[in-house]
Protein backbone atom coordinates (compact mmCIF):
# COMPACT_ATOMS: atom_id res chain seq x y z
CA MET A 1 -64.91 -16.72 50.49
CA THR A 2 -68.46 -17.99 50.50
CA THR A 3 -70.92 -17.23 53.26
CA ALA A 4 -71.09 -20.94 54.09
CA VAL A 5 -67.33 -21.10 54.63
CA GLN A 6 -67.40 -17.93 56.72
CA ASP A 7 -70.18 -19.42 58.87
CA ILE A 8 -68.19 -22.63 59.40
CA LEU A 9 -65.07 -20.67 60.36
CA ALA A 10 -67.09 -18.60 62.83
CA GLN A 11 -68.43 -21.82 64.39
CA ILE A 12 -64.88 -23.16 64.67
CA ASP A 13 -63.80 -19.95 66.40
CA ARG A 14 -66.52 -20.51 69.01
CA LEU A 15 -65.25 -24.00 69.89
CA ASP A 16 -63.29 -24.43 73.09
CA ASP A 17 -59.85 -26.07 72.97
CA ALA A 18 -61.27 -29.57 73.41
CA GLY A 19 -63.78 -28.98 70.62
CA GLN A 20 -61.09 -27.69 68.28
CA GLU A 21 -58.92 -30.73 69.04
CA GLU A 22 -61.89 -33.02 68.38
CA LEU A 23 -62.47 -31.27 65.06
CA ARG A 24 -58.79 -31.60 64.06
CA GLU A 25 -58.87 -35.32 64.84
CA ALA A 26 -62.11 -35.84 62.91
CA LEU A 27 -60.66 -33.99 59.90
CA ARG A 28 -57.44 -36.00 60.12
CA LEU A 29 -59.38 -39.27 60.13
CA ARG A 30 -61.57 -38.09 57.27
CA SER A 31 -58.55 -37.08 55.21
CA ARG A 32 -56.85 -40.42 55.87
CA ALA A 33 -59.97 -42.35 54.82
CA GLN A 34 -60.23 -40.34 51.60
CA TRP A 35 -56.55 -40.95 50.85
CA GLU A 36 -56.94 -44.69 51.46
CA ARG A 37 -59.97 -44.89 49.13
CA LEU A 38 -58.06 -43.07 46.40
CA ALA A 39 -54.97 -45.25 46.92
CA GLU A 40 -57.08 -48.41 46.59
CA VAL A 41 -58.60 -47.18 43.32
CA GLU A 42 -55.17 -46.30 41.94
CA ARG A 43 -53.67 -49.64 43.02
CA ALA A 44 -56.46 -51.47 41.20
CA ARG A 45 -55.96 -49.31 38.11
CA SER A 46 -52.21 -49.92 38.15
CA ALA A 47 -52.69 -53.66 38.57
CA ALA A 48 -55.12 -53.71 35.66
CA GLU A 49 -52.46 -52.00 33.55
CA GLY A 50 -49.79 -54.48 34.67
CA ILE A 51 -47.86 -51.96 36.76
CA THR A 52 -46.27 -53.54 39.84
CA GLU A 53 -45.09 -52.03 43.12
CA ALA A 54 -41.52 -52.74 41.96
CA ASP A 55 -42.18 -50.70 38.78
CA ILE A 56 -43.40 -47.80 40.91
CA ASP A 57 -40.43 -48.08 43.29
CA ARG A 58 -38.02 -47.95 40.33
CA ALA A 59 -39.77 -44.94 38.84
CA VAL A 60 -39.69 -43.08 42.15
CA HIS A 61 -35.99 -43.91 42.55
CA ASP A 62 -35.27 -42.65 39.03
CA VAL A 63 -37.10 -39.37 39.68
CA ARG A 64 -35.42 -38.84 43.05
CA TYR A 65 -31.88 -39.78 42.08
CA GLY A 66 -31.84 -39.50 38.30
CA THR A 67 -30.46 -43.00 37.89
CA LYS A 68 -31.82 -46.45 37.34
CA ALA A 69 -32.29 -48.56 40.45
CA SER A 70 -30.54 -51.92 40.30
């Protein structure tokens, strides 16, 4: 583990409960924003390749259930 990570973890340990909750919420929002940016890029890429949401739904169904969706 790097010194920088150790320092950050030590700072987190010094936070009170409210501070730790605030940090968790900020990290949750940050993670969600990153996921949404990635999803938008992948949707655009799929659309450019002619892949539709229905195509994706069928593929997911096939992987989950091993059969073709009707």
